[in-house]
Amino acid sequence: MEQEIQIQPLIASPPPPPPPPQQQQPPPLNTSATSTTTINASNTKSKKLRLLPLIFLIYFEVSGGPYGAENAVRAAGPLLTLTGFLVIPFVCSLPEALITAELSTSFPGNGGFVLWAIHAFNPITASLTGSFKFLSSTINTATFPNLCSDYLSPVFPSLAAGAPRGLFITLLIITLSFINFTGLTILGYVAVALGIVSLLPFVLMTCMAAPAVRPARWTEVRKKIDWGLYMNTLFWNMNYWDNASTLAGEVDQPQRSFPRAILAAGILTCVSYFVPILAVTGAVDVSDDSWTDGFFADAAGMIGGKWLKLWIEAGAVLSAIGLYEAQLSSNTFQLLGMAELGLLPRSLSTRSKWFNTPWLSILVSTLITLSISFLSFSDIISAANFLYNLGMLIEFAAFIRLRMKMPELNRPYKVPLGTAGVIVMCAVPSVILVFLMVVSSWRVFLITAALTFIALSLYYCMAFVGVEGVLSSVLRVRSTNWRMIRKVNHEVEVKS
């Protein structure tokens, strides 16, 4: 409580001499300004996410293992796939990860990229960014219970279709959402366990495949390359680094933890793709057409036997569960952050008395995910990717804008490039994002336009009930006192 008393009066006026403890009475403040400007000391009991669980939550936000990477080999062959999983992390993933590390430590609050956009631009841009990213991530999240059902249907045929499949998906979503309700501390260590168990069979398969590797197989290129499938597979498997930023307000010492966690998760993600593909393409002599979804399990059967195949199939289910949990938590705390900013109803920031988790945001995210889980995914998923690309373009612009607008901002971690350097760093992935958007079908453009209209309507509905005025006053307070608040935060951290 002592930290909060030291910080809050500085938002409105210069600091008075500290009175005796029994006389400390901080003046009343706008709660929105307080919650979005600094980490409130009264809320520290929710910030218990440590480094190791954070690493695995970021890992599941992005990857979850090499499941789903098989289509890249089918589209282009081993050489281009291996090259792609070496190059794409540096071209696309690294800029996104570096931006997340810098801005999450500079704005260590819930909401992540929404906070970045509101500081860089204005409330409407922040609202659109949040809507684009939330819709994209929610649609993506809804695919994972379906994947679990698909993975289990060979063992339990009734899960392939009909009422049993629907009941299974519903019960799975409710159960996994309850784990989110228990808090990020529990969820983080669940992610650690899921990550270890789902990756271990790939370690064993790689070791068992090593004696049979023929390096000449790595040089093969498919005669007719499907560039669309190839690029989308690489891009889909190496994205969503920024999702973890929405959890920054729940992390223990985010200024130190985030850069380390992103670095460790990045190494783990790249190795988990590249090494199994390297081993299997070198050891197994099959046509590229055999590399469809689930081929890693078939390859495990060829290399190690049925037991290894079953383990990788079980690992796929565990990976899908981890992906669901991580992305649902990101969606939930994004809603909480937007509610604290006034971009969504304040009730979405209500926390449970038992676990200190935003229970209403969890409920809303779960219901939306559940409703989407029973829709046809073809064009909807493409529209989700389109919205994600739009959101990322805004994030890149916000990052560059903040470098120019707030050069004095205290950045505990800073990308070691000047303004021209960060522009070049963001330009390359931006070109890829625009290319993937341009080649989308007309149905995707139509769905995206409809979802954008809904997002704009939501913003203006919130503005109509008077939230816009609150946001404007919050931003004026933050802009006026930014340097002073940062200075005091630093002094408090040093003293503690």
Protein backbone atom coordinates (compact mmCIF):
# COMPACT_ATOMS: atom_id res chain seq x y z
CA MET A 1 0.00 0.00 0.00
CA GLU A 2 2.94 2.28 0.67
CA GLN A 3 3.94 2.26 -3.00
CA GLU A 4 0.45 3.30 -4.09
CA ILE A 5 0.46 6.19 -1.60
CA GLN A 6 3.76 7.44 -2.99
CA ILE A 7 2.65 7.25 -6.61
CA GLN A 8 -0.95 8.40 -6.67
CA PRO A 9 -0.58 12.00 -5.47
CA LEU A 10 1.95 12.61 -8.28
CA ILE A 11 -0.72 12.11 -10.89
CA ALA A 12 -2.45 15.29 -9.84
CA SER A 13 0.32 17.45 -8.26
CA PRO A 14 3.99 17.55 -7.19
CA PRO A 15 4.85 15.24 -4.29
CA PRO A 16 4.35 16.63 -0.77
CA PRO A 17 6.71 15.61 2.06
CA PRO A 18 5.77 12.09 3.23
CA PRO A 19 3.52 12.35 6.35
CA PRO A 20 3.59 9.84 9.21
CA PRO A 21 2.02 6.50 8.23
CA GLN A 22 -1.15 7.08 10.23
CA GLN A 23 -1.77 10.41 8.46
CA GLN A 24 -1.27 9.27 4.86
CA GLN A 25 -4.47 10.08 2.97
CA PRO A 26 -4.03 10.08 -0.82
CA PRO A 27 -6.39 12.40 -2.69
CA PRO A 28 -9.20 10.84 -4.74
CA LEU A 29 -8.24 10.06 -8.33
CA ASN A 30 -9.83 8.91 -11.52
CA THR A 31 -9.44 5.14 -11.28
CA SER A 32 -9.06 4.79 -15.02
CA ALA A 33 -6.00 7.01 -15.04
CA THR A 34 -4.44 5.13 -12.18
CA SER A 35 -5.02 1.69 -13.63
CA THR A 36 -3.58 2.48 -17.03
CA THR A 37 -0.64 4.63 -16.00
CA THR A 38 1.22 2.49 -13.52
CA ILE A 39 1.10 -0.83 -11.77
CA ASN A 40 -1.07 -0.39 -8.72
CA ALA A 41 0.48 -1.81 -5.58
CA SER A 42 -2.88 -2.93 -4.24
CA ASN A 43 -3.19 -5.31 -7.15
CA THR A 44 0.11 -7.13 -6.65
CA LYS A 45 -1.50 -10.33 -5.49
CA SER A 46 -2.58 -10.99 -9.09
CA LYS A 47 0.95 -10.48 -10.48
CA LYS A 48 2.46 -13.84 -9.64
CA LEU A 49 3.29 -15.22 -13.07
CA ARG A 50 6.96 -16.23 -12.89
CA LEU A 51 9.53 -16.60 -15.64
CA LEU A 52 9.24 -20.33 -16.43
CA PRO A 53 5.42 -20.40 -16.71
CA LEU A 54 5.56 -17.20 -18.76
CA ILE A 55 7.99 -18.84 -21.20
CA PHE A 56 5.61 -21.74 -21.82
CA LEU A 57 2.54 -19.51 -22.06
CA ILE A 58 4.30 -17.48 -24.76
CA TYR A 59 5.38 -20.73 -26.42
CA PHE A 60 1.77 -21.89 -26.58
CA GLU A 61 0.60 -18.48 -27.77
CA VAL A 62 2.87 -18.89 -30.79
CA SER A 63 3.50 -22.55 -31.49
CA GLY A 64 2.66 -25.47 -29.22
CA GLY A 65 4.99 -27.76 -31.13
CA PRO A 66 5.60 -28.75 -34.76
CA TYR A 67 2.03 -29.99 -35.26
CA GLY A 68 0.63 -28.33 -38.37
CA ALA A 69 3.99 -27.63 -40.00
CA GLU A 70 3.71 -30.67 -42.28
CA ASN A 71 1.90 -28.74 -45.03
CA ALA A 72 4.99 -26.64 -45.68
CA VAL A 73 6.88 -29.76 -46.82
CA ARG A 74 3.92 -30.81 -48.98
CA ALA A 75 3.81 -27.34 -50.55
CA ALA A 76 7.51 -26.80 -51.29
CA GLY A 77 9.66 -29.78 -50.30
CA PRO A 78 12.31 -30.20 -47.56
CA LEU A 79 14.84 -27.58 -48.71
CA LEU A 80 12.47 -24.61 -48.82
CA THR A 81 10.70 -25.73 -45.65
CA LEU A 82 13.93 -25.91 -43.66
CA THR A 83 15.05 -22.60 -45.17
CA GLY A 84 11.69 -21.03 -44.35
CA PHE A 85 11.77 -22.08 -40.71
CA LEU A 86 15.24 -20.54 -40.47
CA VAL A 87 14.43 -17.27 -42.27
CA ILE A 88 10.84 -16.49 -41.22
CA PRO A 89 11.72 -16.26 -37.51
CA PHE A 90 14.23 -13.48 -38.32
CA VAL A 91 12.14 -11.71 -40.94
CA CYS A 92 8.67 -11.82 -39.31
CA SER A 93 8.80 -13.30 -35.82
CA LEU A 94 11.85 -11.44 -34.49
CA PRO A 95 10.48 -7.94 -35.21
CA GLU A 96 7.16 -8.84 -33.59
CA ALA A 97 8.90 -10.37 -30.57
CA LEU A 98 11.26 -7.40 -30.14
CA ILE A 99 8.39 -4.94 -30.33
CA THR A 100 6.47 -6.98 -27.74
CA ALA A 101 9.50 -7.00 -25.42
CA GLU A 102 10.06 -3.24 -25.67
CA LEU A 103 6.46 -2.06 -25.38
CA SER A 104 5.38 -4.61 -22.77
CA THR A 105 8.13 -3.41 -20.46
CA SER A 106 7.38 0.24 -21.23
CA PHE A 107 3.63 -0.17 -20.65
CA PRO A 108 3.42 -3.03 -18.13
CA GLY A 109 -0.36 -3.20 -17.85
CA ASN A 110 -3.19 -5.41 -19.06
CA GLY A 111 -4.37 -4.70 -22.57
CA GLY A 112 -0.98 -4.95 -24.31
CA PHE A 113 -1.22 -3.72 -27.88
CA VAL A 114 -4.39 -1.73 -27.04
CA LEU A 115 -2.33 0.35 -24.61
CA TRP A 116 0.33 0.87 -27.27
CA ALA A 117 -2.20 2.09 -29.82
CA ILE A 118 -3.95 4.46 -27.42
CA HIS A 119 -0.66 6.11 -26.45
CA ALA A 120 0.55 6.28 -30.05
CA PHE A 121 -2.68 7.38 -31.72
CA ASN A 122 -6.17 7.78 -30.23
CA PRO A 123 -9.01 5.79 -28.63
CA ILE A 124 -10.72 4.79 -31.88
CA THR A 125 -7.49 3.31 -33.27
CA ALA A 126 -6.95 1.46 -30.00
CA SER A 127 -10.52 0.15 -30.07
CA LEU A 128 -10.18 -1.10 -33.65
CA THR A 129 -6.83 -2.73 -32.84
CA GLY A 130 -8.34 -4.51 -29.87
CA SER A 131 -11.37 -5.63 -31.87
CA PHE A 132 -9.29 -6.92 -34.79
CA LYS A 133 -6.94 -8.85 -32.54
CA PHE A 134 -9.68 -10.19 -30.27
CA LEU A 135 -11.80 -11.47 -33.17
CA SER A 136 -8.77 -13.02 -34.85
CA SER A 137 -7.52 -14.69 -31.68
CA THR A 138 -10.98 -15.91 -30.64
CA ILE A 139 -11.62 -17.54 -34.00
CA ASN A 140 -8.17 -19.12 -33.79
CA THR A 141 -8.88 -20.31 -30.24
CA ALA A 142 -12.14 -21.94 -31.34
CA THR A 143 -10.27 -24.26 -33.70
CA PHE A 144 -8.37 -26.06 -30.94
CA PRO A 145 -11.27 -27.98 -29.33
CA ASN A 146 -12.19 -29.11 -32.84
CA LEU A 147 -8.61 -30.28 -33.38
CA CYS A 148 -8.78 -32.27 -30.13
CA SER A 149 -11.93 -33.98 -31.41
CA ASP A 150 -10.27 -34.69 -34.76
CA TYR A 151 -7.18 -36.17 -33.09
CA LEU A 152 -9.28 -38.44 -30.86
CA SER A 153 -11.81 -39.54 -33.50
CA PRO A 154 -9.64 -42.46 -34.81
CA VAL A 155 -9.72 -43.90 -31.28
CA PHE A 156 -13.28 -42.79 -30.50
CA PRO A 157 -15.18 -42.75 -33.84
CA SER A 158 -18.27 -41.19 -32.29
CA LEU A 159 -16.34 -37.92 -31.92
CA ALA A 160 -16.07 -37.54 -35.68
CA ALA A 161 -19.48 -35.88 -36.12
CA GLY A 162 -22.94 -35.38 -34.71
CA ALA A 163 -24.19 -34.84 -31.16
CA PRO A 164 -21.34 -36.70 -29.40
CA ARG A 165 -18.80 -34.40 -31.07
CA GLY A 166 -20.78 -31.30 -30.11
CA LEU A 167 -21.15 -32.48 -26.51
CA PHE A 168 -17.44 -33.29 -26.27
CA ILE A 169 -16.40 -29.88 -27.61
CA THR A 170 -18.79 -28.10 -25.24
CA LEU A 171 -17.61 -29.98 -22.15
CA LEU A 172 -13.96 -29.54 -23.14
CA ILE A 173 -14.34 -25.77 -23.56
CA ILE A 174 -16.10 -25.43 -20.20
CA THR A 175 -13.46 -27.53 -18.42
CA LEU A 176 -10.50 -25.70 -19.95
CA SER A 177 -12.09 -22.32 -19.27
CA PHE A 178 -12.45 -23.24 -15.61
CA ILE A 179 -8.67 -23.79 -15.45
CA ASN A 180 -8.30 -20.21 -16.71
CA PHE A 181 -10.64 -19.10 -13.94
CA THR A 182 -8.26 -20.51 -11.31
CA GLY A 183 -5.61 -17.98 -12.31
CA LEU A 184 -2.44 -17.57 -14.34
CA THR A 185 -0.26 -19.11 -11.64
CA ILE A 186 -1.97 -22.50 -11.96
CA LEU A 187 -2.44 -22.10 -15.71
CA GLY A 188 1.26 -21.27 -16.18
CA TYR A 189 2.45 -24.48 -14.56
CA VAL A 190 -0.19 -26.48 -16.47
CA ALA A 191 1.39 -25.01 -19.63
CA VAL A 192 4.84 -26.12 -18.45
CA ALA A 193 3.62 -29.70 -17.95
CA LEU A 194 1.76 -29.77 -21.28
CA GLY A 195 4.81 -28.41 -23.11
CA ILE A 196 7.22 -30.96 -21.67
CA VAL A 197 4.94 -33.97 -22.25
CA SER A 198 4.01 -32.94 -25.81
CA LEU A 199 7.61 -32.17 -26.87
CA LEU A 200 9.32 -35.19 -25.33
CA PRO A 201 8.22 -37.68 -28.05
CA PHE A 202 9.77 -35.41 -30.70
CA VAL A 203 13.05 -35.46 -28.79
CA LEU A 204 12.96 -39.26 -28.74
CA MET A 205 11.97 -39.47 -32.42
CA THR A 206 14.79 -37.12 -33.42
CA CYS A 207 17.37 -39.22 -31.54
CA MET A 208 16.04 -42.47 -33.01
CA ALA A 209 15.98 -41.01 -36.55
CA ALA A 210 19.57 -39.70 -36.45
CA PRO A 211 21.29 -42.93 -37.65
CA ALA A 212 18.99 -43.14 -40.68
CA VAL A 213 19.41 -39.53 -41.84
CA ARG A 214 20.52 -39.01 -45.43
CA PRO A 215 21.54 -35.33 -45.86
CA ALA A 216 20.92 -35.44 -49.63
CA ARG A 217 17.18 -35.59 -48.92
CA TRP A 218 17.31 -32.10 -47.40
CA THR A 219 18.12 -30.59 -50.81
CA GLU A 220 14.93 -31.74 -52.51
CA VAL A 221 12.53 -29.10 -53.86
CA ARG A 222 9.03 -29.77 -55.11
CA LYS A 223 8.69 -29.22 -58.84
CA LYS A 224 5.39 -27.37 -58.59
CA ILE A 225 5.49 -25.18 -55.49
CA ASP A 226 2.28 -24.05 -53.85
CA TRP A 227 3.52 -20.66 -52.66
CA GLY A 228 0.23 -19.70 -51.03
CA LEU A 229 0.09 -22.81 -48.85
CA TYR A 230 3.81 -22.58 -48.13
CA MET A 231 3.76 -18.94 -46.97
CA ASN A 232 0.54 -19.27 -45.00
CA THR A 233 1.82 -22.37 -43.18
CA LEU A 234 5.08 -20.69 -42.21
CA PHE A 235 3.34 -17.48 -41.23
CA TRP A 236 0.58 -19.18 -39.21
CA ASN A 237 3.06 -21.28 -37.25
CA MET A 238 5.32 -18.37 -36.25
CA ASN A 239 2.88 -15.64 -35.21
CA TYR A 240 0.94 -14.24 -32.22
CA TRP A 241 3.99 -13.13 -30.21
CA ASP A 242 2.15 -9.98 -29.22
CA ASN A 243 -0.70 -11.88 -27.54
CA ALA A 244 1.40 -12.32 -24.41
CA SER A 245 1.55 -8.54 -24.00
CA THR A 246 -2.03 -8.52 -22.70
CA LEU A 247 -0.79 -10.42 -19.62
CA ALA A 248 1.90 -7.88 -18.70
CA GLY A 249 -0.11 -6.56 -15.77
CA GLU A 250 -0.19 -10.05 -14.21
CA VAL A 251 3.54 -10.80 -14.51
CA ASP A 252 6.02 -10.62 -11.66
CA GLN A 253 8.62 -7.94 -12.55
CA PRO A 254 7.57 -7.63 -16.22
CA GLN A 255 10.45 -5.28 -17.05
CA ARG A 256 12.88 -8.11 -16.35
CA SER A 257 10.76 -11.16 -17.11
CA PHE A 258 9.35 -10.29 -20.54
CA PRO A 259 12.59 -9.90 -22.54
CA ARG A 260 13.99 -13.11 -21.03
CA ALA A 261 10.77 -15.06 -21.55
CA ILE A 262 10.41 -13.96 -25.17
CA LEU A 263 14.02 -14.88 -25.92
CA ALA A 264 13.65 -18.33 -24.34
CA ALA A 265 10.25 -18.96 -25.97
CA GLY A 266 11.66 -17.88 -29.33
CA ILE A 267 14.53 -20.35 -29.14
CA LEU A 268 12.20 -23.13 -27.98
CA THR A 269 9.74 -22.40 -30.80
CA CYS A 270 12.35 -22.35 -33.57
CA VAL A 271 14.07 -25.54 -32.34
CA SER A 272 10.74 -27.36 -31.93
CA TYR A 273 9.97 -26.79 -35.61
CA PHE A 274 13.34 -27.02 -37.28
CA VAL A 275 14.87 -30.08 -35.56
CA PRO A 276 11.95 -32.55 -36.02
CA ILE A 277 11.52 -31.51 -39.67
CA LEU A 278 15.26 -31.89 -40.21
CA ALA A 279 15.24 -35.36 -38.66
CA VAL A 280 12.13 -36.73 -40.37
CA THR A 281 12.82 -35.36 -43.85
CA GLY A 282 16.34 -36.78 -43.65
CA ALA A 283 15.36 -40.20 -42.27
CA VAL A 284 12.05 -41.06 -43.95
CA ASP A 285 11.90 -41.61 -47.71
CA VAL A 286 8.34 -40.66 -48.71
CA SER A 287 6.82 -38.38 -51.33
CA ASP A 288 6.05 -34.78 -50.47
CA ASP A 289 2.34 -35.51 -50.90
CA SER A 290 2.48 -37.69 -47.78
CA TRP A 291 3.19 -34.63 -45.64
CA THR A 292 -0.34 -33.78 -44.60
CA ASP A 293 -1.69 -32.84 -41.16
CA GLY A 294 -0.74 -35.58 -38.70
CA PHE A 295 2.15 -36.99 -40.72
CA PHE A 296 4.55 -36.60 -37.80
CA ALA A 297 2.61 -39.36 -36.02
CA ASP A 298 2.92 -41.62 -39.08
CA ALA A 299 6.64 -40.87 -39.27
CA ALA A 300 7.00 -41.70 -35.58
CA GLY A 301 5.42 -45.08 -36.29
CA MET A 302 7.95 -45.73 -39.06
CA ILE A 303 10.90 -44.64 -36.92
CA GLY A 304 10.05 -45.85 -33.42
CA GLY A 305 6.99 -48.05 -33.63
CA LYS A 306 3.34 -47.82 -32.65
CA TRP A 307 3.99 -46.65 -29.08
CA LEU A 308 5.81 -43.55 -30.31
CA LYS A 309 3.06 -42.86 -32.84
CA LEU A 310 0.42 -43.00 -30.09
CA TRP A 311 2.51 -40.70 -27.89
CA ILE A 312 2.77 -38.07 -30.62
CA GLU A 313 -0.98 -38.34 -31.28
CA ALA A 314 -1.61 -37.84 -27.57
CA GLY A 315 0.89 -34.96 -27.62
CA ALA A 316 -1.15 -33.32 -30.38
CA VAL A 317 -4.20 -33.32 -28.10
CA LEU A 318 -2.15 -31.88 -25.22
CA SER A 319 -0.69 -29.25 -27.52
CA ALA A 320 -4.16 -28.18 -28.68
CA ILE A 321 -5.23 -27.90 -25.03
CA GLY A 322 -2.20 -25.74 -24.24
CA LEU A 323 -2.88 -23.53 -27.25
CA TYR A 324 -6.49 -23.06 -26.16
CA GLU A 325 -5.54 -22.20 -22.58
CA ALA A 326 -2.84 -19.71 -23.54
CA GLN A 327 -4.91 -17.87 -26.13
CA LEU A 328 -8.04 -17.79 -23.97
CA SER A 329 -6.01 -16.17 -21.17
CA SER A 330 -4.68 -13.59 -23.62
CA ASN A 331 -8.20 -12.82 -24.88
CA THR A 332 -9.49 -12.52 -21.33
CA PHE A 333 -6.91 -10.04 -20.12
CA GLN A 334 -7.23 -8.06 -23.32
CA LEU A 335 -10.93 -7.56 -22.51
CA LEU A 336 -9.98 -6.60 -18.95
CA GLY A 337 -7.46 -4.05 -20.20
CA MET A 338 -9.94 -2.54 -22.68
CA ALA A 339 -12.55 -2.32 -19.90
CA GLU A 340 -10.08 -0.51 -17.63
CA LEU A 341 -9.47 1.96 -20.46
CA GLY A 342 -13.20 2.50 -20.95
CA LEU A 343 -13.26 0.94 -24.42
CA LEU A 344 -15.57 -1.80 -23.12
CA PRO A 345 -18.06 -1.90 -20.22
CA ARG A 346 -16.36 -1.52 -16.85
CA SER A 347 -17.99 -4.74 -15.59
CA LEU A 348 -15.58 -6.77 -17.73
CA SER A 349 -12.77 -5.76 -15.38
CA THR A 350 -14.53 -7.33 -12.36
CA ARG A 351 -12.29 -9.86 -10.63
CA SER A 352 -13.19 -13.00 -8.72
CA LYS A 353 -12.86 -12.80 -4.94
CA TRP A 354 -11.44 -16.35 -4.86
CA PHE A 355 -8.79 -16.28 -7.57
CA ASN A 356 -8.55 -12.56 -8.45
CA THR A 357 -9.22 -13.41 -12.09
CA PRO A 358 -11.52 -11.39 -14.42
CA TRP A 359 -14.35 -13.91 -14.26
CA LEU A 360 -16.79 -11.99 -16.45
CA SER A 361 -14.20 -11.52 -19.21
CA ILE A 362 -13.45 -15.25 -19.01
CA LEU A 363 -17.17 -16.03 -19.29
CA VAL A 364 -17.67 -13.72 -22.28
CA SER A 365 -14.59 -15.07 -24.07
CA THR A 366 -15.71 -18.64 -23.40
CA LEU A 367 -19.24 -18.05 -24.72
CA ILE A 368 -17.96 -16.39 -27.89
CA THR A 369 -15.44 -19.19 -28.44
CA LEU A 370 -18.14 -21.82 -27.86
CA SER A 371 -20.49 -20.22 -30.37
CA ILE A 372 -17.77 -19.98 -33.04
CA SER A 373 -16.67 -23.60 -32.48
CA PHE A 374 -19.68 -24.92 -34.38
CA LEU A 375 -19.32 -22.73 -37.47
CA SER A 376 -17.72 -23.63 -40.78
CA PHE A 377 -14.13 -22.42 -40.67
CA SER A 378 -12.89 -22.06 -44.25
CA ASP A 379 -13.56 -18.38 -45.00
CA ILE A 380 -13.91 -17.37 -41.34
CA ILE A 381 -10.35 -18.45 -40.54
CA SER A 382 -9.09 -16.58 -43.59
CA ALA A 383 -10.94 -13.49 -42.38
CA ALA A 384 -9.39 -13.97 -38.93
CA ASN A 385 -5.93 -13.97 -40.50
CA PHE A 386 -6.87 -10.84 -42.46
CA LEU A 387 -7.93 -9.08 -39.23
CA TYR A 388 -4.74 -10.23 -37.53
CA ASN A 389 -2.69 -8.71 -40.35
CA LEU A 390 -4.57 -5.41 -40.00
CA GLY A 391 -3.91 -5.40 -36.28
CA MET A 392 -0.22 -6.10 -36.79
CA LEU A 393 0.14 -3.24 -39.27
CA ILE A 394 -1.34 -0.90 -36.65
CA GLU A 395 1.09 -2.30 -34.05
CA PHE A 396 4.09 -1.66 -36.30
CA ALA A 397 2.86 1.88 -36.91
CA ALA A 398 2.29 2.41 -33.17
CA PHE A 399 5.80 1.20 -32.36
CA ILE A 400 7.38 3.63 -34.81
CA ARG A 401 5.07 6.43 -33.71
CA LEU A 402 5.96 5.95 -30.03
CA ARG A 403 9.68 6.07 -30.85
CA MET A 404 9.12 9.52 -32.41
CA LYS A 405 6.39 10.79 -30.09
CA MET A 406 7.88 9.68 -26.76
CA PRO A 407 11.67 9.56 -27.15
CA GLU A 408 12.05 10.23 -23.41
CA LEU A 409 9.87 7.26 -22.41
CA ASN A 410 11.56 4.97 -19.90
CA ARG A 411 12.14 1.74 -21.82
CA PRO A 412 13.56 -0.99 -19.52
CA TYR A 413 14.24 -2.97 -22.68
CA LYS A 414 14.84 -1.13 -25.95
CA VAL A 415 15.36 -2.56 -29.42
CA PRO A 416 18.94 -1.45 -30.24
CA LEU A 417 17.99 0.47 -33.39
CA GLY A 418 17.29 4.10 -34.16
CA THR A 419 14.17 5.42 -35.86
CA ALA A 420 15.37 4.56 -39.36
CA GLY A 421 16.39 1.09 -38.18
CA VAL A 422 13.01 0.25 -36.65
CA ILE A 423 11.24 1.48 -39.79
CA VAL A 424 13.30 -0.93 -41.90
CA MET A 425 12.74 -3.70 -39.33
CA CYS A 426 8.96 -3.26 -39.56
CA ALA A 427 8.89 -2.76 -43.34
CA VAL A 428 9.81 -6.33 -44.33
CA PRO A 429 7.08 -8.16 -42.35
CA SER A 430 4.62 -5.42 -43.33
CA VAL A 431 5.19 -6.23 -47.02
CA ILE A 432 4.45 -9.91 -46.32
CA LEU A 433 1.31 -9.00 -44.35
CA VAL A 434 0.01 -6.81 -47.18
CA PHE A 435 0.78 -9.54 -49.74
CA LEU A 436 -1.21 -12.11 -47.76
CA MET A 437 -4.12 -9.67 -47.52
CA VAL A 438 -4.10 -8.80 -51.21
CA VAL A 439 -4.33 -12.42 -52.34
CA SER A 440 -7.40 -13.07 -50.13
CA SER A 441 -10.71 -13.97 -51.77
CA TRP A 442 -13.62 -11.55 -52.17
CA ARG A 443 -15.54 -13.44 -49.47
CA VAL A 444 -12.75 -12.72 -47.01
CA PHE A 445 -12.89 -9.00 -47.85
CA LEU A 446 -16.67 -9.05 -47.36
CA ILE A 447 -16.49 -10.82 -43.99
CA THR A 448 -13.69 -8.50 -42.85
CA ALA A 449 -15.71 -5.43 -43.84
CA ALA A 450 -18.71 -6.70 -41.85
CA LEU A 451 -16.58 -7.41 -38.76
CA THR A 452 -14.94 -3.99 -39.04
CA PHE A 453 -18.37 -2.36 -39.15
CA ILE A 454 -19.30 -4.23 -35.96
CA ALA A 455 -16.08 -3.05 -34.30
CA LEU A 456 -16.73 0.58 -35.26
CA SER A 457 -20.32 0.32 -34.05
CA LEU A 458 -19.10 -0.98 -30.69
CA TYR A 459 -16.72 1.94 -30.32
CA TYR A 460 -19.34 4.56 -31.12
CA CYS A 461 -21.86 2.89 -28.83
CA MET A 462 -19.34 3.19 -25.98
CA ALA A 463 -18.61 6.80 -26.95
CA PHE A 464 -22.34 7.57 -27.02
CA VAL A 465 -22.74 6.61 -23.37
CA GLY A 466 -20.02 9.04 -22.34
CA VAL A 467 -16.90 6.87 -22.22
CA GLU A 468 -15.04 8.99 -24.78
CA GLY A 469 -14.88 11.90 -22.39
CA VAL A 470 -13.42 9.68 -19.70
CA LEU A 471 -10.79 8.40 -22.09
CA SER A 472 -9.79 11.86 -23.18
CA SER A 473 -9.32 13.04 -19.59
CA VAL A 474 -7.31 9.94 -18.76
CA LEU A 475 -4.98 10.55 -21.70
CA ARG A 476 -4.50 14.21 -20.76
CA VAL A 477 -3.55 13.25 -17.21
CA ARG A 478 -1.17 10.57 -18.49
CA SER A 479 0.51 12.88 -20.98
CA THR A 480 1.01 15.71 -18.46
CA ASN A 481 2.53 13.58 -15.72
CA TRP A 482 4.26 10.85 -17.70
CA ARG A 483 7.87 11.75 -16.86
CA MET A 484 7.10 12.36 -13.20
CA ILE A 485 5.26 9.06 -12.82
CA ARG A 486 8.04 7.08 -14.48
CA LYS A 487 10.63 8.71 -12.27
CA VAL A 488 8.74 7.86 -9.09
CA ASN A 489 8.07 4.29 -10.25
CA HIS A 490 11.78 3.85 -10.75
CA GLU A 491 12.54 5.26 -7.29
CA VAL A 492 9.98 2.92 -5.72
CA GLU A 493 11.49 -0.10 -7.50
CA VAL A 494 14.96 0.88 -6.33
CA LYS A 495 13.82 1.26 -2.73
CA SER A 496 11.95 -2.06 -2.77
